[in-house]
All heavy atoms as atom14 arrays in JSON, in Angstrom:
{
  "sequence": "LKKDNVLLLFNYYEFTGTKIYDYVALKRKILLCFDND",
  "atom14_mask": [
    [1, 1, 1, 1, 1, 1, 1, 1, 0, 0, 0, 0, 0, 0],
    [1, 1, 1, 1, 1, 1, 1, 1, 1, 0, 0, 0, 0, 0],
    [1, 1, 1, 1, 1, 1, 1, 1, 1, 0, 0, 0, 0, 0],
    [1, 1, 1, 1, 1, 1, 1, 1, 0, 0, 0, 0, 0, 0],
    [1, 1, 1, 1, 1, 1, 1, 1, 0, 0, 0, 0, 0, 0],
    [1, 1, 1, 1, 1, 1, 1, 0, 0, 0, 0, 0, 0, 0],
    [1, 1, 1, 1, 1, 1, 1, 1, 0, 0, 0, 0, 0, 0],
    [1, 1, 1, 1, 1, 1, 1, 1, 0, 0, 0, 0, 0, 0],
    [1, 1, 1, 1, 1, 1, 1, 1, 0, 0, 0, 0, 0, 0],
    [1, 1, 1, 1, 1, 1, 1, 1, 1, 1, 1, 0, 0, 0],
    [1, 1, 1, 1, 1, 1, 1, 1, 0, 0, 0, 0, 0, 0],
    [1, 1, 1, 1, 1, 1, 1, 1, 1, 1, 1, 1, 0, 0],
    [1, 1, 1, 1, 1, 1, 1, 1, 1, 1, 1, 1, 0, 0],
    [1, 1, 1, 1, 1, 1, 1, 1, 1, 0, 0, 0, 0, 0],
    [1, 1, 1, 1, 1, 1, 1, 1, 1, 1, 1, 0, 0, 0],
    [1, 1, 1, 1, 1, 1, 1, 0, 0, 0, 0, 0, 0, 0],
    [1, 1, 1, 1, 0, 0, 0, 0, 0, 0, 0, 0, 0, 0],
    [1, 1, 1, 1, 1, 1, 1, 0, 0, 0, 0, 0, 0, 0],
    [1, 1, 1, 1, 1, 1, 1, 1, 1, 0, 0, 0, 0, 0],
    [1, 1, 1, 1, 1, 1, 1, 1, 0, 0, 0, 0, 0, 0],
    [1, 1, 1, 1, 1, 1, 1, 1, 1, 1, 1, 1, 0, 0],
    [1, 1, 1, 1, 1, 1, 1, 1, 0, 0, 0, 0, 0, 0],
    [1, 1, 1, 1, 1, 1, 1, 1, 1, 1, 1, 1, 0, 0],
    [1, 1, 1, 1, 1, 1, 1, 0, 0, 0, 0, 0, 0, 0],
    [1, 1, 1, 1, 1, 0, 0, 0, 0, 0, 0, 0, 0, 0],
    [1, 1, 1, 1, 1, 1, 1, 1, 0, 0, 0, 0, 0, 0],
    [1, 1, 1, 1, 1, 1, 1, 1, 1, 0, 0, 0, 0, 0],
    [1, 1, 1, 1, 1, 1, 1, 1, 1, 1, 1, 0, 0, 0],
    [1, 1, 1, 1, 1, 1, 1, 1, 1, 0, 0, 0, 0, 0],
    [1, 1, 1, 1, 1, 1, 1, 1, 0, 0, 0, 0, 0, 0],
    [1, 1, 1, 1, 1, 1, 1, 1, 0, 0, 0, 0, 0, 0],
    [1, 1, 1, 1, 1, 1, 1, 1, 0, 0, 0, 0, 0, 0],
    [1, 1, 1, 1, 1, 1, 0, 0, 0, 0, 0, 0, 0, 0],
    [1, 1, 1, 1, 1, 1, 1, 1, 1, 1, 1, 0, 0, 0],
    [1, 1, 1, 1, 1, 1, 1, 1, 0, 0, 0, 0, 0, 0],
    [1, 1, 1, 1, 1, 1, 1, 1, 0, 0, 0, 0, 0, 0],
    [1, 1, 1, 1, 1, 1, 1, 1, 0, 0, 0, 0, 0, 0]
  ],
  "atom14_positions": [
    [[-10.66, 53.68, -2.92], [-10.83, 52.5, -3.77], [-11.09, 51.22, -2.93], [-11.82, 50.33, -3.4], [-9.59, 52.28, -4.62], [-9.39, 53.24, -5.78], [-7.98, 53.07, -6.36], [-10.42, 53.05, -6.84], [0.0, 0.0, 0.0], [0.0, 0.0, 0.0], [0.0, 0.0, 0.0], [0.0, 0.0, 0.0], [0.0, 0.0, 0.0], [0.0, 0.0, 0.0]],
    [[-10.52, 51.18, -1.74], [-10.7, 50.02, -0.92], [-12.16, 49.86, -0.47], [-12.64, 48.75, -0.23], [-9.82, 50.14, 0.35], [-9.72, 48.86, 1.2], [-9.0, 47.77, 0.51], [-8.75, 46.59, 1.46], [-8.09, 45.42, 0.83], [0.0, 0.0, 0.0], [0.0, 0.0, 0.0], [0.0, 0.0, 0.0], [0.0, 0.0, 0.0], [0.0, 0.0, 0.0]],
    [[-12.89, 50.96, -0.51], [-14.35, 50.89, -0.13], [-15.19, 50.43, -1.28], [-16.38, 50.03, -1.08], [-14.79, 52.29, 0.3], [-14.07, 52.88, 1.5], [-14.49, 54.32, 1.74], [-13.71, 54.99, 2.83], [-14.07, 56.42, 2.99], [0.0, 0.0, 0.0], [0.0, 0.0, 0.0], [0.0, 0.0, 0.0], [0.0, 0.0, 0.0], [0.0, 0.0, 0.0]],
    [[-14.64, 50.46, -2.52], [-15.42, 50.08, -3.7], [-15.43, 48.6, -3.9], [-14.59, 47.87, -3.32], [-14.85, 50.8, -4.92], [-14.9, 52.34, -4.78], [-15.8, 52.83, -4.05], [-14.1, 53.02, -5.39], [0.0, 0.0, 0.0], [0.0, 0.0, 0.0], [0.0, 0.0, 0.0], [0.0, 0.0, 0.0], [0.0, 0.0, 0.0], [0.0, 0.0, 0.0]],
    [[-16.35, 48.11, -4.7], [-16.57, 46.66, -4.87], [-15.87, 46.03, -6.07], [-15.36, 44.94, -5.97], [-18.06, 46.36, -4.96], [-18.86, 46.94, -3.86], [-19.62, 47.89, -4.08], [-18.76, 46.4, -2.66], [0.0, 0.0, 0.0], [0.0, 0.0, 0.0], [0.0, 0.0, 0.0], [0.0, 0.0, 0.0], [0.0, 0.0, 0.0], [0.0, 0.0, 0.0]],
    [[-15.85, 46.81, -7.19], [-15.34, 46.26, -8.43], [-14.46, 47.36, -9.1], [-14.84, 48.51, -9.07], [-16.45, 45.85, -9.41], [-15.88, 45.24, -10.7], [-17.41, 44.89, -8.73], [0.0, 0.0, 0.0], [0.0, 0.0, 0.0], [0.0, 0.0, 0.0], [0.0, 0.0, 0.0], [0.0, 0.0, 0.0], [0.0, 0.0, 0.0], [0.0, 0.0, 0.0]],
    [[-13.32, 46.95, -9.65], [-12.38, 47.87, -10.27], [-12.35, 47.65, -11.8], [-12.16, 46.51, -12.24], [-11.0, 47.72, -9.68], [-10.94, 47.91, -8.17], [-9.54, 47.61, -7.64], [-11.4, 49.3, -7.72], [0.0, 0.0, 0.0], [0.0, 0.0, 0.0], [0.0, 0.0, 0.0], [0.0, 0.0, 0.0], [0.0, 0.0, 0.0], [0.0, 0.0, 0.0]],
    [[-12.57, 48.69, -12.54], [-12.59, 48.61, -14.03], [-11.18, 48.93, -14.58], [-10.55, 49.88, -14.19], [-13.63, 49.61, -14.59], [-15.03, 49.46, -14.1], [-15.91, 50.58, -14.52], [-15.65, 48.12, -14.63], [0.0, 0.0, 0.0], [0.0, 0.0, 0.0], [0.0, 0.0, 0.0], [0.0, 0.0, 0.0], [0.0, 0.0, 0.0], [0.0, 0.0, 0.0]],
    [[-10.81, 48.12, -15.56], [-9.48, 48.25, -16.16], [-9.63, 48.1, -17.67], [-10.2, 47.08, -18.15], [-8.54, 47.2, -15.61], [-7.11, 47.16, -16.08], [-6.37, 48.41, -15.6], [-6.44, 45.9, -15.58], [0.0, 0.0, 0.0], [0.0, 0.0, 0.0], [0.0, 0.0, 0.0], [0.0, 0.0, 0.0], [0.0, 0.0, 0.0], [0.0, 0.0, 0.0]],
    [[-9.11, 49.06, -18.4], [-9.08, 48.89, -19.85], [-7.85, 48.09, -20.3], [-6.83, 48.12, -19.68], [-9.06, 50.27, -20.55], [-10.33, 51.02, -20.5], [-10.4, 52.31, -20.05], [-11.55, 50.39, -20.91], [-11.63, 53.0, -19.98], [-12.76, 51.07, -20.85], [-12.82, 52.38, -20.4], [0.0, 0.0, 0.0], [0.0, 0.0, 0.0], [0.0, 0.0, 0.0]],
    [[-8.0, 47.4, -21.44], [-6.98, 46.52, -21.94], [-5.85, 47.37, -22.53], [-6.06, 48.14, -23.41], [-7.6, 45.61, -23.04], [-6.69, 44.44, -23.35], [-5.5, 44.46, -23.08], [-7.27, 43.36, -23.89], [0.0, 0.0, 0.0], [0.0, 0.0, 0.0], [0.0, 0.0, 0.0], [0.0, 0.0, 0.0], [0.0, 0.0, 0.0], [0.0, 0.0, 0.0]],
    [[-4.64, 47.09, -22.03], [-3.41, 47.79, -22.55], [-2.67, 46.86, -23.55], [-1.61, 47.23, -24.0], [-2.52, 48.16, -21.42], [-2.86, 49.43, -20.68], [-4.16, 49.66, -20.26], [-1.9, 50.41, -20.41], [-4.5, 50.86, -19.61], [-2.19, 51.58, -19.79], [-3.51, 51.8, -19.38], [-3.83, 52.97, -18.7], [0.0, 0.0, 0.0], [0.0, 0.0, 0.0]],
    [[-3.26, 45.7, -23.8], [-2.71, 44.79, -24.81], [-1.26, 44.35, -24.46], [-1.06, 43.68, -23.5], [-2.83, 45.37, -26.23], [-4.25, 45.76, -26.54], [-4.63, 47.11, -26.61], [-5.26, 44.79, -26.72], [-5.95, 47.46, -26.85], [-6.58, 45.12, -26.98], [-6.92, 46.49, -27.05], [-8.2, 46.85, -27.24], [0.0, 0.0, 0.0], [0.0, 0.0, 0.0]],
    [[-0.27, 44.77, -25.27], [1.12, 44.26, -25.05], [1.88, 44.9, -23.92], [3.0, 44.48, -23.66], [1.89, 44.42, -26.37], [1.49, 43.45, -27.47], [0.41, 44.02, -28.35], [-0.06, 45.15, -28.05], [-0.02, 43.35, -29.29], [0.0, 0.0, 0.0], [0.0, 0.0, 0.0], [0.0, 0.0, 0.0], [0.0, 0.0, 0.0], [0.0, 0.0, 0.0]],
    [[1.35, 45.95, -23.28], [2.07, 46.49, -22.14], [1.16, 46.56, -20.91], [-0.03, 46.3, -21.01], [2.74, 47.85, -22.5], [1.83, 49.04, -22.61], [1.75, 49.97, -21.61], [1.09, 49.26, -23.78], [0.98, 51.09, -21.75], [0.36, 50.37, -23.94], [0.22, 51.31, -22.89], [0.0, 0.0, 0.0], [0.0, 0.0, 0.0], [0.0, 0.0, 0.0]],
    [[1.75, 46.87, -19.79], [1.1, 46.63, -18.49], [0.37, 47.81, -17.89], [-0.69, 47.66, -17.31], [2.16, 46.15, -17.49], [3.0, 45.19, -18.1], [1.49, 45.53, -16.24], [0.0, 0.0, 0.0], [0.0, 0.0, 0.0], [0.0, 0.0, 0.0], [0.0, 0.0, 0.0], [0.0, 0.0, 0.0], [0.0, 0.0, 0.0], [0.0, 0.0, 0.0]],
    [[0.92, 49.01, -18.12], [0.36, 50.17, -17.39], [0.74, 50.08, -15.92], [1.52, 49.2, -15.51], [0.0, 0.0, 0.0], [0.0, 0.0, 0.0], [0.0, 0.0, 0.0], [0.0, 0.0, 0.0], [0.0, 0.0, 0.0], [0.0, 0.0, 0.0], [0.0, 0.0, 0.0], [0.0, 0.0, 0.0], [0.0, 0.0, 0.0], [0.0, 0.0, 0.0]],
    [[0.17, 50.99, -15.09], [0.57, 51.04, -13.7], [-0.58, 50.72, -12.74], [-0.32, 50.14, -11.69], [1.11, 52.44, -13.36], [0.1, 53.39, -13.7], [2.38, 52.74, -14.12], [0.0, 0.0, 0.0], [0.0, 0.0, 0.0], [0.0, 0.0, 0.0], [0.0, 0.0, 0.0], [0.0, 0.0, 0.0], [0.0, 0.0, 0.0], [0.0, 0.0, 0.0]],
    [[-1.8, 51.05, -13.15], [-2.87, 50.96, -12.13], [-3.18, 49.47, -11.75], [-3.67, 49.22, -10.67], [-4.14, 51.62, -12.65], [-4.77, 51.0, -13.91], [-6.1, 51.7, -14.21], [-5.99, 53.13, -14.61], [-5.42, 53.29, -15.97], [0.0, 0.0, 0.0], [0.0, 0.0, 0.0], [0.0, 0.0, 0.0], [0.0, 0.0, 0.0], [0.0, 0.0, 0.0]],
    [[-2.85, 48.52, -12.63], [-3.19, 47.13, -12.31], [-2.51, 46.68, -10.98], [-3.05, 45.86, -10.27], [-2.82, 46.19, -13.45], [-3.41, 44.8, -13.2], [-1.33, 46.16, -13.74], [-3.3, 43.84, -14.34], [0.0, 0.0, 0.0], [0.0, 0.0, 0.0], [0.0, 0.0, 0.0], [0.0, 0.0, 0.0], [0.0, 0.0, 0.0], [0.0, 0.0, 0.0]],
    [[-1.35, 47.24, -10.69], [-0.62, 46.79, -9.49], [-1.39, 47.19, -8.21], [-1.55, 46.38, -7.31], [0.78, 47.4, -9.48], [1.63, 46.9, -10.64], [1.98, 47.76, -11.7], [2.09, 45.59, -10.67], [2.74, 47.33, -12.74], [2.88, 45.15, -11.74], [3.17, 46.03, -12.77], [3.96, 45.59, -13.8], [0.0, 0.0, 0.0], [0.0, 0.0, 0.0]],
    [[-1.88, 48.43, -8.16], [-2.7, 48.83, -7.02], [-4.01, 48.05, -7.02], [-4.51, 47.67, -5.93], [-2.97, 50.3, -7.08], [-1.85, 51.16, -6.63], [-0.94, 50.64, -5.9], [-1.73, 52.36, -7.03], [0.0, 0.0, 0.0], [0.0, 0.0, 0.0], [0.0, 0.0, 0.0], [0.0, 0.0, 0.0], [0.0, 0.0, 0.0], [0.0, 0.0, 0.0]],
    [[-4.59, 47.84, -8.15], [-5.84, 47.07, -8.25], [-5.66, 45.66, -7.61], [-6.51, 45.25, -6.81], [-6.27, 46.92, -9.7], [-7.05, 48.07, -10.32], [-7.02, 49.34, -9.77], [-7.79, 47.87, -11.48], [-7.75, 50.34, -10.35], [-8.54, 48.9, -12.07], [-8.48, 50.13, -11.49], [-9.2, 51.18, -12.06], [0.0, 0.0, 0.0], [0.0, 0.0, 0.0]],
    [[-4.63, 45.02, -8.01], [-4.41, 43.65, -7.5], [-4.15, 43.66, -6.02], [-4.7, 42.87, -5.27], [-3.18, 42.99, -8.24], [-2.74, 41.76, -7.52], [-3.54, 42.68, -9.68], [0.0, 0.0, 0.0], [0.0, 0.0, 0.0], [0.0, 0.0, 0.0], [0.0, 0.0, 0.0], [0.0, 0.0, 0.0], [0.0, 0.0, 0.0], [0.0, 0.0, 0.0]],
    [[-3.36, 44.68, -5.55], [-3.02, 44.75, -4.13], [-4.2, 45.05, -3.26], [-4.29, 44.65, -2.09], [-1.94, 45.79, -3.92], [0.0, 0.0, 0.0], [0.0, 0.0, 0.0], [0.0, 0.0, 0.0], [0.0, 0.0, 0.0], [0.0, 0.0, 0.0], [0.0, 0.0, 0.0], [0.0, 0.0, 0.0], [0.0, 0.0, 0.0], [0.0, 0.0, 0.0]],
    [[-5.2, 45.77, -3.79], [-6.42, 46.14, -3.05], [-7.36, 44.96, -2.81], [-8.28, 45.06, -2.0], [-7.16, 47.26, -3.79], [-6.46, 48.62, -3.68], [-7.11, 49.58, -4.68], [-6.61, 49.24, -2.32], [0.0, 0.0, 0.0], [0.0, 0.0, 0.0], [0.0, 0.0, 0.0], [0.0, 0.0, 0.0], [0.0, 0.0, 0.0], [0.0, 0.0, 0.0]],
    [[-7.16, 43.85, -3.56], [-7.96, 42.67, -3.4], [-9.45, 42.98, -3.63], [-10.34, 42.57, -2.86], [-7.76, 42.01, -2.04], [-6.35, 41.54, -1.78], [-6.23, 40.84, -0.43], [-4.8, 40.32, -0.23], [-4.64, 39.66, 1.09], [0.0, 0.0, 0.0], [0.0, 0.0, 0.0], [0.0, 0.0, 0.0], [0.0, 0.0, 0.0], [0.0, 0.0, 0.0]],
    [[-9.72, 43.66, -4.73], [-11.07, 43.89, -5.22], [-11.16, 43.33, -6.62], [-10.18, 43.41, -7.38], [-11.42, 45.43, -5.23], [-11.42, 46.05, -3.84], [-12.62, 45.54, -3.02], [-12.66, 46.11, -1.69], [-12.23, 45.5, -0.58], [-11.71, 44.27, -0.7], [-12.32, 46.09, 0.59], [0.0, 0.0, 0.0], [0.0, 0.0, 0.0], [0.0, 0.0, 0.0]],
    [[-12.28, 42.76, -6.94], [-12.43, 42.08, -8.23], [-12.22, 43.01, -9.4], [-12.73, 44.13, -9.45], [-13.81, 41.42, -8.39], [-13.94, 40.56, -9.64], [-15.26, 39.85, -9.7], [-15.31, 38.69, -8.71], [-14.43, 37.58, -9.06], [0.0, 0.0, 0.0], [0.0, 0.0, 0.0], [0.0, 0.0, 0.0], [0.0, 0.0, 0.0], [0.0, 0.0, 0.0]],
    [[-11.41, 42.63, -10.36], [-11.01, 43.44, -11.54], [-11.78, 42.92, -12.74], [-11.89, 41.75, -12.97], [-9.5, 43.37, -11.81], [-8.71, 43.87, -10.62], [-9.15, 44.15, -13.07], [-7.22, 43.52, -10.7], [0.0, 0.0, 0.0], [0.0, 0.0, 0.0], [0.0, 0.0, 0.0], [0.0, 0.0, 0.0], [0.0, 0.0, 0.0], [0.0, 0.0, 0.0]],
    [[-12.34, 43.88, -13.54], [-12.91, 43.53, -14.81], [-12.04, 44.16, -15.88], [-11.98, 45.41, -16.0], [-14.37, 44.08, -14.91], [-15.37, 43.6, -13.88], [-16.76, 44.14, -14.25], [-15.42, 42.06, -13.84], [0.0, 0.0, 0.0], [0.0, 0.0, 0.0], [0.0, 0.0, 0.0], [0.0, 0.0, 0.0], [0.0, 0.0, 0.0], [0.0, 0.0, 0.0]],
    [[-11.38, 43.38, -16.67], [-10.49, 43.84, -17.77], [-11.37, 43.93, -19.02], [-11.81, 42.9, -19.59], [-9.34, 42.84, -17.98], [-8.36, 43.21, -19.16], [-7.65, 44.5, -18.85], [-7.37, 42.07, -19.36], [0.0, 0.0, 0.0], [0.0, 0.0, 0.0], [0.0, 0.0, 0.0], [0.0, 0.0, 0.0], [0.0, 0.0, 0.0], [0.0, 0.0, 0.0]],
    [[-11.49, 45.13, -19.57], [-12.36, 45.42, -20.71], [-11.53, 45.94, -21.91], [-10.94, 46.97, -21.79], [-13.4, 46.45, -20.35], [-14.42, 46.06, -18.88], [0.0, 0.0, 0.0], [0.0, 0.0, 0.0], [0.0, 0.0, 0.0], [0.0, 0.0, 0.0], [0.0, 0.0, 0.0], [0.0, 0.0, 0.0], [0.0, 0.0, 0.0], [0.0, 0.0, 0.0]],
    [[-11.51, 45.27, -23.06], [-12.17, 44.01, -23.41], [-11.14, 43.16, -24.04], [-10.12, 43.61, -24.52], [-13.33, 44.3, -24.39], [-14.44, 45.13, -23.82], [-14.63, 46.45, -24.18], [-15.36, 44.56, -22.95], [-15.67, 47.21, -23.67], [-16.4, 45.27, -22.44], [-16.55, 46.65, -22.8], [0.0, 0.0, 0.0], [0.0, 0.0, 0.0], [0.0, 0.0, 0.0]],
    [[-11.5, 41.87, -24.21], [-10.59, 40.92, -24.87], [-10.79, 40.85, -26.35], [-9.83, 40.8, -27.13], [-10.78, 39.53, -24.25], [-9.77, 38.55, -24.81], [-8.59, 38.84, -24.78], [-10.18, 37.45, -25.27], [0.0, 0.0, 0.0], [0.0, 0.0, 0.0], [0.0, 0.0, 0.0], [0.0, 0.0, 0.0], [0.0, 0.0, 0.0], [0.0, 0.0, 0.0]],
    [[-12.02, 40.95, -26.8], [-12.3, 40.84, -28.22], [-13.64, 41.48, -28.57], [-14.6, 40.83, -29.05], [-12.3, 39.39, -28.68], [-12.32, 39.19, -30.2], [-11.95, 40.1, -30.93], [-12.8, 38.07, -30.68], [0.0, 0.0, 0.0], [0.0, 0.0, 0.0], [0.0, 0.0, 0.0], [0.0, 0.0, 0.0], [0.0, 0.0, 0.0], [0.0, 0.0, 0.0]],
    [[-13.75, 42.79, -28.33], [-14.93, 43.55, -28.61], [-14.77, 44.3, -29.94], [-13.69, 44.85, -30.25], [-15.15, 44.58, -27.5], [-16.38, 45.44, -27.7], [-17.48, 44.97, -27.37], [-16.23, 46.57, -28.25], [0.0, 0.0, 0.0], [0.0, 0.0, 0.0], [0.0, 0.0, 0.0], [0.0, 0.0, 0.0], [0.0, 0.0, 0.0], [0.0, 0.0, 0.0]]
  ]
}
C-alpha cells in the first residue's frame, strides 16, 4: 500500500471501521466515497 498513490475508502457513516487507521498512518491521499451520492 505504501507504494500506491491514492487509497479508496467507502463511507461507514456513523461508525469508523478499521482500515482508515492504516490509511492515515501510510500518509497517502484518501478518497472517502461518498458523502451524498
